Amino acid sequence: MNLIETAPHNFGKEKIYEGVLGNLVAFACKLSFEKGYDGYVAFEPKSKLVEHYKQMLKAQQISSNRMIINTNTALLLINTYFNK
């Protein structure tokens, strides 16, 4: 993934929509499965967001500037955002 950004009107306590980050990442995981990558998604987070991504997405930090979503987490995200 490259450059996931929050729209200015959807940031902080005054945000309009809930779950945008999870929904976008779940969609990327879904595409990863469709392309034959077993749901894996990698990205380079801004350093101040590493803990946020660990908590919100269950992403794993694999180096100082690289995080991944693995198959199990991808399935969890897809089931959370697409199987309602």
N, C-alpha and C. Protein backbone atom coordinates (compact mmCIF):
# COMPACT_ATOMS: atom_id res chain seq x y z
N MET A 1 0.86 -1.17 0.00
CA MET A 1 0.00 0.00 0.00
C MET A 1 0.90 1.22 0.00
N ASN A 2 0.37 2.27 -0.55
CA ASN A 2 1.13 3.50 -0.61
C ASN A 2 0.23 4.68 -0.25
N LEU A 3 0.63 5.44 0.75
CA LEU A 3 -0.03 6.69 1.13
C LEU A 3 -1.51 6.56 1.49
N ILE A 4 -1.76 5.96 2.61
CA ILE A 4 -3.11 6.01 3.17
C ILE A 4 -3.19 7.27 4.00
N GLU A 5 -4.09 8.14 3.65
CA GLU A 5 -4.24 9.41 4.35
C GLU A 5 -5.68 9.59 4.79
N THR A 6 -5.86 10.27 5.89
CA THR A 6 -7.18 10.61 6.37
C THR A 6 -7.57 11.98 5.84
N ALA A 7 -8.78 12.08 5.32
CA ALA A 7 -9.27 13.37 4.84
C ALA A 7 -9.37 14.33 6.01
N PRO A 8 -9.11 15.60 5.78
CA PRO A 8 -9.15 16.58 6.89
C PRO A 8 -10.46 16.58 7.67
N HIS A 9 -11.57 16.33 7.01
CA HIS A 9 -12.87 16.34 7.70
C HIS A 9 -13.15 15.04 8.45
N ASN A 10 -12.23 14.10 8.37
CA ASN A 10 -12.45 12.82 9.05
C ASN A 10 -11.29 12.45 9.95
N PHE A 11 -10.82 13.42 10.71
CA PHE A 11 -9.66 13.23 11.56
C PHE A 11 -9.99 13.64 12.99
N GLY A 12 -9.53 12.86 13.94
CA GLY A 12 -9.67 13.22 15.35
C GLY A 12 -11.07 13.01 15.89
N LYS A 13 -11.39 13.72 16.96
CA LYS A 13 -12.66 13.55 17.65
C LYS A 13 -13.86 14.05 16.85
N GLU A 14 -13.64 14.92 15.91
CA GLU A 14 -14.72 15.49 15.11
C GLU A 14 -14.96 14.75 13.80
N LYS A 15 -14.36 13.58 13.64
CA LYS A 15 -14.49 12.87 12.37
C LYS A 15 -15.94 12.52 12.05
N ILE A 16 -16.19 12.43 10.76
CA ILE A 16 -17.54 12.15 10.28
C ILE A 16 -17.81 10.64 10.20
N TYR A 17 -16.83 9.88 9.73
CA TYR A 17 -17.00 8.45 9.50
C TYR A 17 -16.09 7.62 10.40
N GLU A 18 -16.58 6.50 10.84
CA GLU A 18 -15.80 5.54 11.64
C GLU A 18 -15.33 4.41 10.73
N GLY A 19 -14.16 3.86 11.01
CA GLY A 19 -13.72 2.65 10.33
C GLY A 19 -13.16 2.81 8.94
N VAL A 20 -12.82 4.02 8.54
CA VAL A 20 -12.32 4.24 7.17
C VAL A 20 -10.99 3.52 6.97
N LEU A 21 -10.09 3.65 7.90
CA LEU A 21 -8.78 2.99 7.78
C LEU A 21 -8.95 1.48 7.64
N GLY A 22 -9.69 0.87 8.54
CA GLY A 22 -9.89 -0.57 8.49
C GLY A 22 -10.55 -1.02 7.20
N ASN A 23 -11.51 -0.24 6.74
CA ASN A 23 -12.21 -0.57 5.50
C ASN A 23 -11.26 -0.53 4.31
N LEU A 24 -10.44 0.49 4.22
CA LEU A 24 -9.48 0.60 3.11
C LEU A 24 -8.45 -0.52 3.13
N VAL A 25 -7.95 -0.85 4.31
CA VAL A 25 -6.95 -1.91 4.42
C VAL A 25 -7.59 -3.26 4.15
N ALA A 26 -8.81 -3.47 4.61
CA ALA A 26 -9.53 -4.72 4.31
C ALA A 26 -9.70 -4.88 2.81
N PHE A 27 -9.99 -3.80 2.12
CA PHE A 27 -10.13 -3.85 0.66
C PHE A 27 -8.79 -4.23 0.01
N ALA A 28 -7.70 -3.66 0.50
CA ALA A 28 -6.37 -4.01 -0.02
C ALA A 28 -6.07 -5.48 0.23
N CYS A 29 -6.45 -5.99 1.39
CA CYS A 29 -6.26 -7.41 1.70
C CYS A 29 -7.08 -8.29 0.77
N LYS A 30 -8.30 -7.86 0.50
CA LYS A 30 -9.17 -8.60 -0.42
C LYS A 30 -8.53 -8.67 -1.81
N LEU A 31 -8.00 -7.56 -2.27
CA LEU A 31 -7.30 -7.55 -3.56
C LEU A 31 -6.07 -8.45 -3.53
N SER A 32 -5.37 -8.47 -2.41
CA SER A 32 -4.20 -9.32 -2.27
C SER A 32 -4.58 -10.79 -2.44
N PHE A 33 -5.69 -11.21 -1.85
CA PHE A 33 -6.16 -12.58 -2.04
C PHE A 33 -6.50 -12.83 -3.51
N GLU A 34 -7.20 -11.89 -4.12
CA GLU A 34 -7.60 -12.04 -5.52
C GLU A 34 -6.39 -12.15 -6.45
N LYS A 35 -5.30 -11.49 -6.10
CA LYS A 35 -4.09 -11.50 -6.92
C LYS A 35 -3.17 -12.68 -6.59
N GLY A 36 -3.54 -13.49 -5.61
CA GLY A 36 -2.75 -14.67 -5.26
C GLY A 36 -1.67 -14.45 -4.23
N TYR A 37 -1.77 -13.38 -3.43
CA TYR A 37 -0.75 -13.06 -2.43
C TYR A 37 -1.19 -13.43 -1.01
N ASP A 38 -2.21 -14.26 -0.89
CA ASP A 38 -2.66 -14.79 0.42
C ASP A 38 -3.06 -13.71 1.42
N GLY A 39 -3.47 -12.55 0.94
CA GLY A 39 -3.93 -11.49 1.83
C GLY A 39 -2.84 -10.59 2.37
N TYR A 40 -1.59 -10.93 2.09
CA TYR A 40 -0.49 -10.12 2.62
C TYR A 40 -0.48 -8.73 2.01
N VAL A 41 -0.26 -7.75 2.87
CA VAL A 41 -0.14 -6.36 2.47
C VAL A 41 1.01 -5.77 3.27
N ALA A 42 1.89 -5.04 2.61
CA ALA A 42 3.01 -4.38 3.28
C ALA A 42 2.90 -2.88 3.09
N PHE A 43 3.41 -2.13 4.06
CA PHE A 43 3.41 -0.68 3.95
C PHE A 43 4.46 -0.07 4.86
N GLU A 44 4.80 1.16 4.57
CA GLU A 44 5.76 1.93 5.36
C GLU A 44 5.00 3.03 6.10
N PRO A 45 4.80 2.87 7.39
CA PRO A 45 4.03 3.85 8.14
C PRO A 45 4.87 5.07 8.54
N LYS A 46 4.17 6.16 8.77
CA LYS A 46 4.83 7.27 9.45
C LYS A 46 5.12 6.79 10.86
N SER A 47 6.28 7.13 11.38
CA SER A 47 6.72 6.56 12.67
C SER A 47 5.72 6.81 13.80
N LYS A 48 5.04 7.94 13.78
CA LYS A 48 4.10 8.23 14.86
C LYS A 48 2.82 7.38 14.78
N LEU A 49 2.63 6.65 13.68
CA LEU A 49 1.42 5.84 13.51
C LEU A 49 1.64 4.34 13.71
N VAL A 50 2.86 3.93 13.99
CA VAL A 50 3.16 2.50 14.13
C VAL A 50 2.27 1.86 15.20
N GLU A 51 2.21 2.43 16.37
CA GLU A 51 1.41 1.86 17.45
C GLU A 51 -0.08 1.86 17.11
N HIS A 52 -0.52 2.90 16.45
CA HIS A 52 -1.92 2.99 16.02
C HIS A 52 -2.26 1.84 15.07
N TYR A 53 -1.38 1.56 14.13
CA TYR A 53 -1.62 0.46 13.18
C TYR A 53 -1.53 -0.89 13.86
N LYS A 54 -0.69 -1.02 14.85
CA LYS A 54 -0.62 -2.28 15.60
C LYS A 54 -1.95 -2.52 16.32
N GLN A 55 -2.50 -1.47 16.91
CA GLN A 55 -3.75 -1.61 17.66
C GLN A 55 -4.96 -1.73 16.75
N MET A 56 -5.08 -0.85 15.77
CA MET A 56 -6.28 -0.79 14.94
C MET A 56 -6.35 -1.89 13.89
N LEU A 57 -5.21 -2.24 13.33
CA LEU A 57 -5.18 -3.20 12.21
C LEU A 57 -4.56 -4.53 12.58
N LYS A 58 -3.99 -4.62 13.76
CA LYS A 58 -3.22 -5.81 14.17
C LYS A 58 -2.05 -6.06 13.22
N ALA A 59 -1.50 -4.97 12.68
CA ALA A 59 -0.35 -5.06 11.78
C ALA A 59 0.89 -5.43 12.57
N GLN A 60 1.82 -6.09 11.91
CA GLN A 60 3.08 -6.49 12.53
C GLN A 60 4.21 -5.64 11.98
N GLN A 61 5.06 -5.16 12.86
CA GLN A 61 6.23 -4.40 12.45
C GLN A 61 7.35 -5.39 12.16
N ILE A 62 7.87 -5.38 10.93
CA ILE A 62 8.92 -6.34 10.56
C ILE A 62 10.28 -5.67 10.41
N SER A 63 10.31 -4.35 10.41
CA SER A 63 11.57 -3.61 10.45
C SER A 63 11.24 -2.21 10.97
N SER A 64 12.24 -1.36 11.05
CA SER A 64 11.99 -0.03 11.61
C SER A 64 11.01 0.79 10.77
N ASN A 65 10.92 0.50 9.50
CA ASN A 65 10.03 1.30 8.64
C ASN A 65 9.14 0.43 7.74
N ARG A 66 8.83 -0.80 8.19
CA ARG A 66 7.98 -1.67 7.38
C ARG A 66 7.03 -2.44 8.28
N MET A 67 5.75 -2.47 7.85
CA MET A 67 4.74 -3.24 8.56
C MET A 67 4.02 -4.13 7.56
N ILE A 68 3.43 -5.22 8.08
CA ILE A 68 2.66 -6.10 7.21
C ILE A 68 1.35 -6.48 7.87
N ILE A 69 0.42 -6.86 7.02
CA ILE A 69 -0.79 -7.54 7.43
C ILE A 69 -0.62 -8.96 6.90
N ASN A 70 -0.72 -9.97 7.77
CA ASN A 70 -0.53 -11.35 7.33
C ASN A 70 -1.89 -11.97 6.96
N THR A 71 -1.86 -13.22 6.53
CA THR A 71 -3.07 -13.90 6.06
C THR A 71 -4.17 -13.92 7.11
N ASN A 72 -3.85 -14.32 8.33
CA ASN A 72 -4.88 -14.41 9.37
C ASN A 72 -5.50 -13.05 9.69
N THR A 73 -4.67 -12.04 9.78
CA THR A 73 -5.17 -10.70 10.06
C THR A 73 -5.98 -10.17 8.88
N ALA A 74 -5.53 -10.48 7.67
CA ALA A 74 -6.28 -10.06 6.47
C ALA A 74 -7.68 -10.66 6.50
N LEU A 75 -7.78 -11.94 6.83
CA LEU A 75 -9.09 -12.58 6.91
C LEU A 75 -9.97 -11.94 7.98
N LEU A 76 -9.38 -11.61 9.10
CA LEU A 76 -10.11 -10.93 10.17
C LEU A 76 -10.66 -9.58 9.69
N LEU A 77 -9.82 -8.81 9.03
CA LEU A 77 -10.25 -7.50 8.53
C LEU A 77 -11.34 -7.65 7.47
N ILE A 78 -11.16 -8.57 6.55
CA ILE A 78 -12.15 -8.77 5.50
C ILE A 78 -13.48 -9.20 6.11
N ASN A 79 -13.45 -10.13 7.06
CA ASN A 79 -14.68 -10.57 7.70
C ASN A 79 -15.34 -9.45 8.50
N THR A 80 -14.54 -8.58 9.08
CA THR A 80 -15.08 -7.47 9.85
C THR A 80 -15.76 -6.44 8.95
N TYR A 81 -15.16 -6.11 7.82
CA TYR A 81 -15.66 -5.00 7.00
C TYR A 81 -16.48 -5.42 5.79
N PHE A 82 -16.42 -6.68 5.36
CA PHE A 82 -17.12 -7.07 4.15
C PHE A 82 -18.17 -8.16 4.33
N ASN A 83 -18.23 -8.79 5.45
CA ASN A 83 -19.20 -9.87 5.65
C ASN A 83 -20.27 -9.51 6.64
N LYS A 84 -20.88 -8.37 6.45
CA LYS A 84 -21.94 -7.93 7.36
C LYS A 84 -23.29 -8.15 6.72
